[in-house]
Amino acid sequence: MQVILISGLSGSGKSIALNVLEDCGYYCVDNLPVRLLSDLTRILLESGSERIAVSVDVRNVSSLSQLPQHIQALRQGEMDVRLLFLEAKTETLVKRFSETRRKHPLSDDKLTLPECIESEREMLSEIREIAHKIDTSDLSPNVLRSWIQDFIQIDRSRLTLLFQSFGFKHGLPLDSDMVFDVRCLPNPFYDPKLRPLTGREPAVVRFLESDESVGRMLDDIRRFVETWLPSFIRDNRNYLSISIGCTGGQHRSVYMVEKLAGHFSSLNSQVLVRHRELK
């Protein structure tokens, strides 16, 4: 049986994730108390269900601390258990709550909405550390759906390298394990012919590869990741998110991500690629 657990901050897109998984044939349960997780999987397994998705969050805060033990127990029963954590910047979540006019689960007469969000972030911090993270701050629903479909197709028995490009002017991705800044490299943005293109297109590639500093930066990042990757594997990590940032997230960071992803794919690593700012 494959079990997908979805957690994260209220307003970060957990409902979208559940809908995607339901469309993919998963038996979906929202807001399940953690203590019922083992019983649910046993009942559904007996009924012939092979894929289930369960949302767990602060609406059942009293049992959240038990989630890591339940995950371990399910894995010992030879189940494929994956934990997906959705998050977003506080200002983005405030805007979403304002637009939908919904009440935050931790809302009371004492806490403001930003305080509720930060309190929830703290409550979920331990779960976040053991999960595959997606920062939905700047994602459209369609992009989030696509990324979730990528997530359920990967082989959980192998470490997954996620290479992500982004623009610093739009903020750091919250789901990063490593961040590299390539804003010191020559910028194709200042060439009018290259400005509308991206780092995946031949003209931009030629521009960047004509400067030796680009190659040195690429080699340094590659060596750093290769050097420390065995340590992350020994630490039983399932996911490693490596974010490369330039100013706008269109040229230099996209080029770097494509090159790094191609290199590590050629070494038989399991690789995912995301370009946050490319629509």
C-alpha atoms as a PDB file:
ATOM      1  CA  MET A   1       0.000   0.000   0.000  1.00  0.00           C
ATOM      2  CA  GLN A   2       1.142   3.527  -0.763  1.00  0.00           C
ATOM      3  CA  VAL A   3       0.244   6.142   1.859  1.00  0.00           C
ATOM      4  CA  ILE A   4       0.630   9.855   1.076  1.00  0.00           C
ATOM      5  CA  LEU A   5       0.427  12.095   4.160  1.00  0.00           C
ATOM      6  CA  ILE A   6      -0.223  15.773   3.505  1.00  0.00           C
ATOM      7  CA  SER A   7       0.515  18.372   6.130  1.00  0.00           C
ATOM      8  CA  GLY A   8       1.446  22.024   6.206  1.00  0.00           C
ATOM      9  CA  LEU A   9       0.196  25.494   6.946  1.00  0.00           C
ATOM     10  CA  SER A  10      -3.446  26.430   6.644  1.00  0.00           C
ATOM     11  CA  GLY A  11      -3.999  28.168   3.314  1.00  0.00           C
ATOM     12  CA  SER A  12      -0.913  26.652   1.681  1.00  0.00           C
ATOM     13  CA  GLY A  13      -2.821  24.416  -0.754  1.00  0.00           C
ATOM     14  CA  LYS A  14      -3.537  21.148   1.091  1.00  0.00           C
ATOM     15  CA  SER A  15      -7.057  20.967  -0.387  1.00  0.00           C
ATOM     16  CA  ILE A  16      -5.615  21.282  -3.897  1.00  0.00           C
ATOM     17  CA  ALA A  17      -3.162  18.487  -3.103  1.00  0.00           C
ATOM     18  CA  LEU A  18      -5.918  16.177  -1.886  1.00  0.00           C
ATOM     19  CA  ASN A  19      -8.004  16.900  -4.984  1.00  0.00           C
ATOM     20  CA  VAL A  20      -5.043  16.054  -7.241  1.00  0.00           C
ATOM     21  CA  LEU A  21      -4.471  12.766  -5.436  1.00  0.00           C
ATOM     22  CA  GLU A  22      -8.164  11.893  -5.561  1.00  0.00           C
ATOM     23  CA  ASP A  23      -8.114  12.489  -9.327  1.00  0.00           C
ATOM     24  CA  CYS A  24      -5.092  10.145  -9.495  1.00  0.00           C
ATOM     25  CA  GLY A  25      -7.080   7.333  -7.880  1.00  0.00           C
ATOM     26  CA  TYR A  26      -6.159   7.727  -4.206  1.00  0.00           C
ATOM     27  CA  TYR A  27      -8.684   7.156  -1.429  1.00  0.00           C
ATOM     28  CA  CYS A  28      -8.555  10.555   0.302  1.00  0.00           C
ATOM     29  CA  VAL A  29      -9.336  11.504   3.901  1.00  0.00           C
ATOM     30  CA  ASP A  30      -9.157  15.083   5.172  1.00  0.00           C
ATOM     31  CA  ASN A  31      -8.402  16.088   8.772  1.00  0.00           C
ATOM     32  CA  LEU A  32      -7.823  12.604  10.179  1.00  0.00           C
ATOM     33  CA  PRO A  33      -6.720  12.349  13.837  1.00  0.00           C
ATOM     34  CA  VAL A  34      -3.238  10.820  13.787  1.00  0.00           C
ATOM     35  CA  ARG A  35      -4.173   8.101  16.291  1.00  0.00           C
ATOM     36  CA  LEU A  36      -6.638   6.696  13.726  1.00  0.00           C
ATOM     37  CA  LEU A  37      -4.065   6.398  10.953  1.00  0.00           C
ATOM     38  CA  SER A  38      -3.094   2.768  11.641  1.00  0.00           C
ATOM     39  CA  ASP A  39      -6.731   1.662  11.866  1.00  0.00           C
ATOM     40  CA  LEU A  40      -7.604   3.451   8.632  1.00  0.00           C
ATOM     41  CA  THR A  41      -4.760   1.873   6.655  1.00  0.00           C
ATOM     42  CA  ARG A  42      -5.608  -1.586   8.037  1.00  0.00           C
ATOM     43  CA  ILE A  43      -9.306  -1.286   7.122  1.00  0.00           C
ATOM     44  CA  LEU A  44      -8.604   0.038   3.639  1.00  0.00           C
ATOM     45  CA  LEU A  45      -5.935  -2.583   3.018  1.00  0.00           C
ATOM     46  CA  GLU A  46      -8.424  -5.310   3.943  1.00  0.00           C
ATOM     47  CA  SER A  47     -10.962  -3.771   1.550  1.00  0.00           C
ATOM     48  CA  GLY A  48      -8.465  -3.895  -1.316  1.00  0.00           C
ATOM     49  CA  SER A  49      -7.388  -0.232  -1.458  1.00  0.00           C
ATOM     50  CA  GLU A  50      -3.752   0.165  -2.509  1.00  0.00           C
ATOM     51  CA  ARG A  51      -3.309   3.947  -2.484  1.00  0.00           C
ATOM     52  CA  ILE A  52      -4.558   6.377   0.155  1.00  0.00           C
ATOM     53  CA  ALA A  53      -3.918  10.045   0.917  1.00  0.00           C
ATOM     54  CA  VAL A  54      -4.524  11.591   4.322  1.00  0.00           C
ATOM     55  CA  SER A  55      -4.394  15.224   5.425  1.00  0.00           C
ATOM     56  CA  VAL A  56      -3.117  15.849   8.972  1.00  0.00           C
ATOM     57  CA  ASP A  57      -2.649  19.344  10.402  1.00  0.00           C
ATOM     58  CA  VAL A  58      -3.258  21.611  13.413  1.00  0.00           C
ATOM     59  CA  ARG A  59      -6.984  20.988  13.356  1.00  0.00           C
ATOM     60  CA  ASN A  60      -6.000  17.901  15.374  1.00  0.00           C
ATOM     61  CA  VAL A  61      -3.086  19.481  17.197  1.00  0.00           C
ATOM     62  CA  SER A  62      -3.298  17.185  20.234  1.00  0.00           C
ATOM     63  CA  SER A  63      -2.152  14.139  18.225  1.00  0.00           C
ATOM     64  CA  LEU A  64       0.350  15.752  15.846  1.00  0.00           C
ATOM     65  CA  SER A  65       3.356  14.852  17.988  1.00  0.00           C
ATOM     66  CA  GLN A  66       2.550  11.158  17.432  1.00  0.00           C
ATOM     67  CA  LEU A  67       2.865  11.362  13.634  1.00  0.00           C
ATOM     68  CA  PRO A  68       6.577  10.348  13.328  1.00  0.00           C
ATOM     69  CA  GLN A  69       5.923   7.192  15.400  1.00  0.00           C
ATOM     70  CA  HIS A  70       2.923   6.255  13.270  1.00  0.00           C
ATOM     71  CA  ILE A  71       4.950   6.794  10.086  1.00  0.00           C
ATOM     72  CA  GLN A  72       7.692   4.524  11.416  1.00  0.00           C
ATOM     73  CA  ALA A  73       5.156   1.846  12.346  1.00  0.00           C
ATOM     74  CA  LEU A  74       3.587   1.913   8.883  1.00  0.00           C
ATOM     75  CA  ARG A  75       6.991   1.650   7.215  1.00  0.00           C
ATOM     76  CA  GLN A  76       7.882  -1.314   9.383  1.00  0.00           C
ATOM     77  CA  GLY A  77       4.725  -2.892   7.964  1.00  0.00           C
ATOM     78  CA  GLU A  78       6.347  -2.517   4.518  1.00  0.00           C
ATOM     79  CA  MET A  79       4.079   0.319   3.419  1.00  0.00           C
ATOM     80  CA  ASP A  80       5.344   3.046   1.088  1.00  0.00           C
ATOM     81  CA  VAL A  81       4.728   6.118   3.266  1.00  0.00           C
ATOM     82  CA  ARG A  82       5.482   9.610   1.934  1.00  0.00           C
ATOM     83  CA  LEU A  83       5.049  12.893   3.787  1.00  0.00           C
ATOM     84  CA  LEU A  84       4.385  16.080   1.825  1.00  0.00           C
ATOM     85  CA  PHE A  85       4.569  19.437   3.609  1.00  0.00           C
ATOM     86  CA  LEU A  86       3.080  22.565   2.021  1.00  0.00           C
ATOM     87  CA  GLU A  87       4.040  26.025   3.228  1.00  0.00           C
ATOM     88  CA  ALA A  88       4.007  29.653   2.139  1.00  0.00           C
ATOM     89  CA  LYS A  89       5.209  33.049   3.272  1.00  0.00           C
ATOM     90  CA  THR A  90       3.207  34.699   6.031  1.00  0.00           C
ATOM     91  CA  GLU A  91       2.206  37.663   3.871  1.00  0.00           C
ATOM     92  CA  THR A  92       0.950  35.281   1.165  1.00  0.00           C
ATOM     93  CA  LEU A  93      -1.154  33.329   3.662  1.00  0.00           C
ATOM     94  CA  VAL A  94      -2.597  36.538   5.133  1.00  0.00           C
ATOM     95  CA  LYS A  95      -3.626  37.606   1.640  1.00  0.00           C
ATOM     96  CA  ARG A  96      -5.239  34.226   0.912  1.00  0.00           C
ATOM     97  CA  PHE A  97      -7.232  34.276   4.146  1.00  0.00           C
ATOM     98  CA  SER A  98      -8.326  37.828   3.380  1.00  0.00           C
ATOM     99  CA  GLU A  99      -9.492  36.851  -0.106  1.00  0.00           C
ATOM    100  CA  THR A 100     -11.417  33.773   1.029  1.00  0.00           C
ATOM    101  CA  ARG A 101     -12.633  35.369   4.297  1.00  0.00           C
ATOM    102  CA  ARG A 102     -12.067  32.073   6.068  1.00  0.00           C
ATOM    103  CA  LYS A 103     -11.057  31.792   9.702  1.00  0.00           C
ATOM    104  CA  HIS A 104      -7.662  30.394  10.686  1.00  0.00           C
ATOM    105  CA  PRO A 105      -7.928  27.153  12.752  1.00  0.00           C
ATOM    106  CA  LEU A 106      -5.968  28.765  15.616  1.00  0.00           C
ATOM    107  CA  SER A 107      -7.897  32.018  15.512  1.00  0.00           C
ATOM    108  CA  ASP A 108      -9.220  33.369  18.817  1.00  0.00           C
ATOM    109  CA  ASP A 109      -9.771  36.741  20.479  1.00  0.00           C
ATOM    110  CA  LYS A 110      -6.125  37.023  21.534  1.00  0.00           C
ATOM    111  CA  LEU A 111      -4.030  36.283  18.440  1.00  0.00           C
ATOM    112  CA  THR A 112      -3.850  38.255  15.201  1.00  0.00           C
ATOM    113  CA  LEU A 113      -3.832  36.342  11.914  1.00  0.00           C
ATOM    114  CA  PRO A 114      -0.022  36.681  11.420  1.00  0.00           C
ATOM    115  CA  GLU A 115       0.466  35.458  15.004  1.00  0.00           C
ATOM    116  CA  CYS A 116      -1.773  32.441  14.317  1.00  0.00           C
ATOM    117  CA  ILE A 117       0.273  31.611  11.223  1.00  0.00           C
ATOM    118  CA  GLU A 118       3.591  31.848  13.080  1.00  0.00           C
ATOM    119  CA  SER A 119       2.223  29.749  15.937  1.00  0.00           C
ATOM    120  CA  GLU A 120       1.086  27.106  13.459  1.00  0.00           C
ATOM    121  CA  ARG A 121       4.499  27.194  11.751  1.00  0.00           C
ATOM    122  CA  GLU A 122       6.147  26.454  15.091  1.00  0.00           C
ATOM    123  CA  MET A 123       3.725  23.614  15.919  1.00  0.00           C
ATOM    124  CA  LEU A 124       4.475  21.922  12.606  1.00  0.00           C
ATOM    125  CA  SER A 125       8.257  22.472  12.619  1.00  0.00           C
ATOM    126  CA  GLU A 126       9.125  18.867  13.577  1.00  0.00           C
ATOM    127  CA  ILE A 127       6.882  17.427  10.863  1.00  0.00           C
ATOM    128  CA  ARG A 128       8.388  19.824   8.323  1.00  0.00           C
ATOM    129  CA  GLU A 129      11.890  18.500   9.001  1.00  0.00           C
ATOM    130  CA  ILE A 130      11.041  14.944   7.904  1.00  0.00           C
ATOM    131  CA  ALA A 131       8.891  15.836   4.894  1.00  0.00           C
ATOM    132  CA  HIS A 132       9.263  16.714   1.232  1.00  0.00           C
ATOM    133  CA  LYS A 133       8.577  20.461   1.248  1.00  0.00           C
ATOM    134  CA  ILE A 134       6.859  22.645  -1.345  1.00  0.00           C
ATOM    135  CA  ASP A 135       6.718  26.428  -0.988  1.00  0.00           C
ATOM    136  CA  THR A 136       3.458  27.477  -2.647  1.00  0.00           C
ATOM    137  CA  SER A 137       3.914  31.250  -2.127  1.00  0.00           C
ATOM    138  CA  ASP A 138       4.347  32.029  -5.815  1.00  0.00           C
ATOM    139  CA  LEU A 139       2.706  28.990  -7.384  1.00  0.00           C
ATOM    140  CA  SER A 140      -0.474  28.896  -9.414  1.00  0.00           C
ATOM    141  CA  PRO A 141      -2.844  25.982  -8.659  1.00  0.00           C
ATOM    142  CA  ASN A 142      -1.919  24.370 -11.989  1.00  0.00           C
ATOM    143  CA  VAL A 143       1.805  24.417 -11.209  1.00  0.00           C
ATOM    144  CA  LEU A 144       1.169  22.984  -7.736  1.00  0.00           C
ATOM    145  CA  ARG A 145      -0.893  20.172  -9.261  1.00  0.00           C
ATOM    146  CA  SER A 146       1.958  19.361 -11.639  1.00  0.00           C
ATOM    147  CA  TRP A 147       4.554  19.305  -8.840  1.00  0.00           C
ATOM    148  CA  ILE A 148       2.400  16.990  -6.720  1.00  0.00           C
ATOM    149  CA  GLN A 149       2.051  14.604  -9.654  1.00  0.00           C
ATOM    150  CA  ASP A 150       5.863  14.594  -9.945  1.00  0.00           C
ATOM    151  CA  PHE A 151       6.125  13.869  -6.216  1.00  0.00           C
ATOM    152  CA  ILE A 152       3.976  10.734  -6.294  1.00  0.00           C
ATOM    153  CA  GLN A 153       5.892   9.271  -9.242  1.00  0.00           C
ATOM    154  CA  ILE A 154       9.367   9.302  -7.667  1.00  0.00           C
ATOM    155  CA  ASP A 155      10.995   6.245  -6.118  1.00  0.00           C
ATOM    156  CA  ARG A 156      10.973   6.825  -2.350  1.00  0.00           C
ATOM    157  CA  SER A 157      13.663   4.193  -1.772  1.00  0.00           C
ATOM    158  CA  ARG A 158      16.216   6.533  -3.395  1.00  0.00           C
ATOM    159  CA  LEU A 159      17.238  10.047  -2.426  1.00  0.00           C
ATOM    160  CA  THR A 160      15.677  12.641  -4.731  1.00  0.00           C
ATOM    161  CA  LEU A 161      17.676  15.700  -5.750  1.00  0.00           C
ATOM    162  CA  LEU A 162      15.431  18.681  -6.419  1.00  0.00           C
ATOM    163  CA  PHE A 163      17.097  21.493  -8.380  1.00  0.00           C
ATOM    164  CA  GLN A 164      15.095  24.712  -8.322  1.00  0.00           C
ATOM    165  CA  SER A 165      15.742  28.089  -9.944  1.00  0.00           C
ATOM    166  CA  PHE A 166      14.322  31.284  -8.442  1.00  0.00           C
ATOM    167  CA  GLY A 167      14.626  35.062  -8.477  1.00  0.00           C
ATOM    168  CA  PHE A 168      15.909  36.808  -5.360  1.00  0.00           C
ATOM    169  CA  LYS A 169      13.629  39.770  -6.049  1.00  0.00           C
ATOM    170  CA  HIS A 170      10.687  37.422  -5.440  1.00  0.00           C
ATOM    171  CA  GLY A 171      12.111  36.051  -2.179  1.00  0.00           C
ATOM    172  CA  LEU A 172      13.898  32.869  -1.102  1.00  0.00           C
ATOM    173  CA  PRO A 173      12.086  29.525  -1.553  1.00  0.00           C
ATOM    174  CA  LEU A 174      11.116  28.266   1.897  1.00  0.00           C
ATOM    175  CA  ASP A 175      11.606  24.648   0.847  1.00  0.00           C
ATOM    176  CA  SER A 176      15.377  24.975   0.224  1.00  0.00           C
ATOM    177  CA  ASP A 177      18.013  22.811   1.904  1.00  0.00           C
ATOM    178  CA  MET A 178      20.862  24.549   0.052  1.00  0.00           C
ATOM    179  CA  VAL A 179      20.841  27.977  -1.617  1.00  0.00           C
ATOM    180  CA  PHE A 180      23.443  29.214  -4.121  1.00  0.00           C
ATOM    181  CA  ASP A 181      23.581  32.827  -5.321  1.00  0.00           C
ATOM    182  CA  VAL A 182      24.685  33.289  -8.961  1.00  0.00           C
ATOM    183  CA  ARG A 183      23.903  37.002  -9.265  1.00  0.00           C
ATOM    184  CA  CYS A 184      27.633  37.738  -9.602  1.00  0.00           C
ATOM    185  CA  LEU A 185      27.667  36.141 -13.081  1.00  0.00           C
ATOM    186  CA  PRO A 186      27.163  38.100 -16.341  1.00  0.00           C
ATOM    187  CA  ASN A 187      23.490  38.939 -16.786  1.00  0.00           C
ATOM    188  CA  PRO A 188      21.803  38.286 -20.181  1.00  0.00           C
ATOM    189  CA  PHE A 189      19.003  40.639 -19.102  1.00  0.00           C
ATOM    190  CA  TYR A 190      21.049  43.620 -20.289  1.00  0.00           C
ATOM    191  CA  ASP A 191      21.152  42.326 -23.868  1.00  0.00           C
ATOM    192  CA  PRO A 192      17.812  43.361 -25.484  1.00  0.00           C
ATOM    193  CA  LYS A 193      17.858  40.294 -27.736  1.00  0.00           C
ATOM    194  CA  LEU A 194      18.331  37.898 -24.792  1.00  0.00           C
ATOM    195  CA  ARG A 195      16.051  39.640 -22.308  1.00  0.00           C
ATOM    196  CA  PRO A 196      12.796  37.864 -23.334  1.00  0.00           C
ATOM    197  CA  LEU A 197      14.495  34.442 -23.490  1.00  0.00           C
ATOM    198  CA  THR A 198      15.255  31.969 -20.690  1.00  0.00           C
ATOM    199  CA  GLY A 199      18.326  30.064 -19.552  1.00  0.00           C
ATOM    200  CA  ARG A 200      17.158  27.003 -21.468  1.00  0.00           C
ATOM    201  CA  GLU A 201      17.480  28.629 -24.896  1.00  0.00           C
ATOM    202  CA  PRO A 202      20.635  28.268 -27.044  1.00  0.00           C
ATOM    203  CA  ALA A 203      21.367  31.988 -27.388  1.00  0.00           C
ATOM    204  CA  VAL A 204      21.415  32.476 -23.612  1.00  0.00           C
ATOM    205  CA  VAL A 205      23.458  29.297 -23.135  1.00  0.00           C
ATOM    206  CA  ARG A 206      26.074  30.559 -25.614  1.00  0.00           C
ATOM    207  CA  PHE A 207      26.185  33.948 -23.889  1.00  0.00           C
ATOM    208  CA  LEU A 208      26.783  32.409 -20.462  1.00  0.00           C
ATOM    209  CA  GLU A 209      29.249  29.764 -21.583  1.00  0.00           C
ATOM    210  CA  SER A 210      31.382  32.403 -23.304  1.00  0.00           C
ATOM    211  CA  ASP A 211      32.400  33.678 -19.848  1.00  0.00           C
ATOM    212  CA  GLU A 212      34.760  31.389 -17.935  1.00  0.00           C
ATOM    213  CA  SER A 213      33.412  32.517 -14.546  1.00  0.00           C
ATOM    214  CA  VAL A 214      30.141  30.745 -15.331  1.00  0.00           C
ATOM    215  CA  GLY A 215      31.944  27.430 -15.828  1.00  0.00           C
ATOM    216  CA  ARG A 216      33.925  27.886 -12.611  1.00  0.00           C
ATOM    217  CA  MET A 217      30.772  28.622 -10.614  1.00  0.00           C
ATOM    218  CA  LEU A 218      29.021  25.601 -12.124  1.00  0.00           C
ATOM    219  CA  ASP A 219      31.961  23.327 -11.283  1.00  0.00           C
ATOM    220  CA  ASP A 220      32.172  24.649  -7.718  1.00  0.00           C
ATOM    221  CA  ILE A 221      28.470  24.018  -7.039  1.00  0.00           C
ATOM    222  CA  ARG A 222      28.658  20.583  -8.650  1.00  0.00           C
ATOM    223  CA  ARG A 223      31.670  19.584  -6.554  1.00  0.00           C
ATOM    224  CA  PHE A 224      30.075  20.883  -3.362  1.00  0.00           C
ATOM    225  CA  VAL A 225      26.908  18.855  -3.907  1.00  0.00           C
ATOM    226  CA  GLU A 226      28.864  15.745  -4.928  1.00  0.00           C
ATOM    227  CA  THR A 227      31.100  16.035  -1.852  1.00  0.00           C
ATOM    228  CA  TRP A 228      28.260  16.273   0.667  1.00  0.00           C
ATOM    229  CA  LEU A 229      25.653  14.094  -1.039  1.00  0.00           C
ATOM    230  CA  PRO A 230      26.910  10.849   0.615  1.00  0.00           C
ATOM    231  CA  SER A 231      26.478  12.469   4.035  1.00  0.00           C
ATOM    232  CA  PHE A 232      22.838  13.271   3.306  1.00  0.00           C
ATOM    233  CA  ILE A 233      22.276   9.727   2.066  1.00  0.00           C
ATOM    234  CA  ARG A 234      23.796   8.300   5.281  1.00  0.00           C
ATOM    235  CA  ASP A 235      21.448  10.570   7.228  1.00  0.00           C
ATOM    236  CA  ASN A 236      18.516   8.672   5.640  1.00  0.00           C
ATOM    237  CA  ARG A 237      17.298  11.729   3.777  1.00  0.00           C
ATOM    238  CA  ASN A 238      14.723  11.093   1.061  1.00  0.00           C
ATOM    239  CA  TYR A 239      14.792  14.579  -0.461  1.00  0.00           C
ATOM    240  CA  LEU A 240      17.439  17.277  -0.917  1.00  0.00           C
ATOM    241  CA  SER A 241      16.288  20.643  -2.293  1.00  0.00           C
ATOM    242  CA  ILE A 242      19.006  22.725  -3.962  1.00  0.00           C
ATOM    243  CA  SER A 243      17.944  26.227  -4.991  1.00  0.00           C
ATOM    244  CA  ILE A 244      19.910  28.421  -7.404  1.00  0.00           C
ATOM    245  CA  GLY A 245      19.016  32.104  -7.417  1.00  0.00           C
ATOM    246  CA  CYS A 246      19.685  35.031  -9.716  1.00  0.00           C
ATOM    247  CA  THR A 247      17.946  38.415  -9.803  1.00  0.00           C
ATOM    248  CA  GLY A 248      14.808  37.533 -11.743  1.00  0.00           C
ATOM    249  CA  GLY A 249      14.983  33.737 -11.940  1.00  0.00           C
ATOM    250  CA  GLN A 250      14.856  33.687 -15.739  1.00  0.00           C
ATOM    251  CA  HIS A 251      18.371  33.351 -17.166  1.00  0.00           C
ATOM    252  CA  ARG A 252      21.410  32.486 -15.014  1.00  0.00           C
ATOM    253  CA  SER A 253      19.674  30.366 -12.351  1.00  0.00           C
ATOM    254  CA  VAL A 254      17.660  28.480 -14.981  1.00  0.00           C
ATOM    255  CA  TYR A 255      20.840  27.697 -16.926  1.00  0.00           C
ATOM    256  CA  MET A 256      22.607  26.463 -13.778  1.00  0.00           C
ATOM    257  CA  VAL A 257      19.698  24.247 -12.725  1.00  0.00           C
ATOM    258  CA  GLU A 258      19.440  22.660 -16.160  1.00  0.00           C
ATOM    259  CA  LYS A 259      23.178  21.926 -16.244  1.00  0.00           C
ATOM    260  CA  LEU A 260      23.282  20.523 -12.698  1.00  0.00           C
ATOM    261  CA  ALA A 261      20.190  18.403 -13.242  1.00  0.00           C
ATOM    262  CA  GLY A 262      21.649  16.994 -16.447  1.00  0.00           C
ATOM    263  CA  HIS A 263      24.939  16.150 -14.743  1.00  0.00           C
ATOM    264  CA  PHE A 264      23.405  14.362 -11.763  1.00  0.00           C
ATOM    265  CA  SER A 265      20.865  12.560 -13.963  1.00  0.00           C
ATOM    266  CA  SER A 266      23.785  11.174 -15.966  1.00  0.00           C
ATOM    267  CA  LEU A 267      25.145   9.720 -12.700  1.00  0.00           C
ATOM    268  CA  ASN A 268      21.872   7.807 -12.242  1.00  0.00           C
ATOM    269  CA  SER A 269      20.635  10.134  -9.490  1.00  0.00           C
ATOM    270  CA  GLN A 270      16.889  10.661  -9.128  1.00  0.00           C
ATOM    271  CA  VAL A 271      16.349  14.293 -10.139  1.00  0.00           C
ATOM    272  CA  LEU A 272      13.434  16.731 -10.200  1.00  0.00           C
ATOM    273  CA  VAL A 273      13.640  20.163 -11.848  1.00  0.00           C
ATOM    274  CA  ARG A 274      11.593  23.248 -10.977  1.00  0.00           C
ATOM    275  CA  HIS A 275      11.779  26.762 -12.371  1.00  0.00           C
ATOM    276  CA  ARG A 276       9.750  28.840  -9.949  1.00  0.00           C
ATOM    277  CA  GLU A 277       9.595  32.042 -11.960  1.00  0.00           C
ATOM    278  CA  LEU A 278       8.980  30.530 -15.407  1.00  0.00           C
ATOM    279  CA  LYS A 279       5.259  30.448 -16.097  1.00  0.00           C
END
